C-alpha atoms as a PDB file:
ATOM      1  CA  MET A   1      31.007  15.316 -10.183  1.00  0.00           C
ATOM      2  CA  GLY A   2      28.872  17.843  -8.443  1.00  0.00           C
ATOM      3  CA  THR A   3      27.703  19.220 -11.845  1.00  0.00           C
ATOM      4  CA  ALA A   4      26.451  15.810 -12.797  1.00  0.00           C
ATOM      5  CA  LEU A   5      24.713  15.350  -9.455  1.00  0.00           C
ATOM      6  CA  ALA A   6      23.032  18.730  -9.662  1.00  0.00           C
ATOM      7  CA  PHE A   7      21.866  18.039 -13.312  1.00  0.00           C
ATOM      8  CA  MET A   8      20.310  14.687 -12.205  1.00  0.00           C
ATOM      9  CA  MET A   9      18.594  16.268  -9.321  1.00  0.00           C
ATOM     10  CA  ALA A  10      17.369  19.218 -11.450  1.00  0.00           C
ATOM     11  CA  VAL A  11      15.846  16.838 -14.074  1.00  0.00           C
ATOM     12  CA  THR A  12      13.489  15.252 -11.469  1.00  0.00           C
ATOM     13  CA  GLY A  13      13.125  18.195  -9.136  1.00  0.00           C
ATOM     14  CA  LEU A  14      12.324  20.853 -11.581  1.00  0.00           C
ATOM     15  CA  SER A  15      10.310  18.907 -14.208  1.00  0.00           C
ATOM     16  CA  LEU A  16       7.578  20.226 -16.294  1.00  0.00           C
ATOM     17  CA  PRO A  17       5.006  17.515 -15.341  1.00  0.00           C
ATOM     18  CA  GLU A  18       5.689  18.406 -11.681  1.00  0.00           C
ATOM     19  CA  GLY A  19       4.996  22.058 -12.435  1.00  0.00           C
ATOM     20  CA  ILE A  20       1.797  21.218 -14.121  1.00  0.00           C
ATOM     21  CA  ILE A  21       0.539  19.060 -11.236  1.00  0.00           C
ATOM     22  CA  LEU A  22       1.622  21.611  -8.513  1.00  0.00           C
ATOM     23  CA  ARG A  23      -0.004  24.408 -10.475  1.00  0.00           C
ATOM     24  CA  LYS A  24      -3.351  22.828  -9.727  1.00  0.00           C
ATOM     25  CA  VAL A  25      -2.623  22.941  -6.027  1.00  0.00           C
ATOM     26  CA  LEU A  26      -0.492  26.020  -5.488  1.00  0.00           C
ATOM     27  CA  LYS A  27      -0.870  29.607  -6.370  1.00  0.00           C
ATOM     28  CA  PRO A  28       1.549  31.019  -8.924  1.00  0.00           C
ATOM     29  CA  LYS A  29       3.665  33.061  -6.389  1.00  0.00           C
ATOM     30  CA  LEU A  30       4.071  30.045  -4.158  1.00  0.00           C
ATOM     31  CA  LEU A  31       4.833  27.740  -7.089  1.00  0.00           C
ATOM     32  CA  ALA A  32       7.556  30.258  -8.106  1.00  0.00           C
ATOM     33  CA  VAL A  33       8.933  30.214  -4.530  1.00  0.00           C
ATOM     34  CA  PHE A  34       9.067  26.450  -4.532  1.00  0.00           C
ATOM     35  CA  PHE A  35      10.808  26.241  -7.806  1.00  0.00           C
ATOM     36  CA  GLY A  36      13.221  28.906  -6.708  1.00  0.00           C
ATOM     37  CA  ALA A  37      14.047  27.156  -3.395  1.00  0.00           C
ATOM     38  CA  VAL A  38      14.519  23.761  -5.112  1.00  0.00           C
ATOM     39  CA  ALA A  39      16.793  25.288  -7.724  1.00  0.00           C
ATOM     40  CA  ALA A  40      18.894  27.090  -5.074  1.00  0.00           C
ATOM     41  CA  ALA A  41      19.134  23.817  -3.051  1.00  0.00           C
ATOM     42  CA  ILE A  42      20.316  21.970  -6.072  1.00  0.00           C
ATOM     43  CA  ILE A  43      22.932  24.524  -7.064  1.00  0.00           C
ATOM     44  CA  VAL A  44      24.256  24.622  -3.461  1.00  0.00           C
ATOM     45  CA  THR A  45      24.388  20.886  -3.396  1.00  0.00           C
ATOM     46  CA  GLY A  46      26.411  20.819  -6.591  1.00  0.00           C
ATOM     47  CA  TYR A  47      28.903  23.384  -5.315  1.00  0.00           C
ATOM     48  CA  LEU A  48      29.303  21.656  -1.961  1.00  0.00           C
ATOM     49  CA  PHE A  49      29.777  18.289  -3.561  1.00  0.00           C
ATOM     50  CA  ASN A  50      32.519  19.748  -5.865  1.00  0.00           C
ATOM     51  CA  TRP A  51      34.158  21.502  -2.996  1.00  0.00           C
ATOM     52  CA  PHE A  52      34.007  18.289  -0.840  1.00  0.00           C
ATOM     53  CA  CYS A  53      35.530  16.254  -3.593  1.00  0.00           C
ATOM     54  CA  GLU A  54      38.245  18.723  -4.243  1.00  0.00           C
ATOM     55  CA  ARG A  55      39.294  18.845  -0.562  1.00  0.00           C
ATOM     56  CA  ARG A  56      39.166  15.100  -0.313  1.00  0.00           C
ATOM     57  CA  HIS A  57      40.772  14.412  -3.695  1.00  0.00           C
ATOM     58  CA  ASN A  58      43.873  12.796  -2.212  1.00  0.00           C
ATOM     59  CA  SER A  59      42.060  10.594   0.269  1.00  0.00           C
ATOM     60  CA  THR A  60      40.550   7.264  -0.345  1.00  0.00           C
ATOM     61  CA  LEU A  61      36.870   8.200  -0.501  1.00  0.00           C
ATOM     62  CA  LEU A  62      34.879   6.126  -3.037  1.00  0.00           C
ATOM     63  CA  ILE A  63      32.209   8.777  -3.668  1.00  0.00           C
ATOM     64  CA  CYS A  64      34.742  11.080  -5.441  1.00  0.00           C
ATOM     65  CA  PHE A  65      35.839   9.553  -8.685  1.00  0.00           C
END
C-alpha cells in the first residue's frame, strides 16, 4: 500500500512539467536539491506507511487494506 502511495505522490511531485516551470525560477543546483528532497520525502513516506500498516495489520484500521 505504501508503494502505491509513493508512486502516486511521485507522479505529481516529480513531474516533467513541474521541472520545466521551476527551471525558469530556480538555479540548477537548487532545482536538484528540491527534486532530491521531494524524492527522499516520498520514499520515506512510502516506507513509513508500509511499516505502519504492517504493525496495525491485525487492528481494524480502515486505511490499511
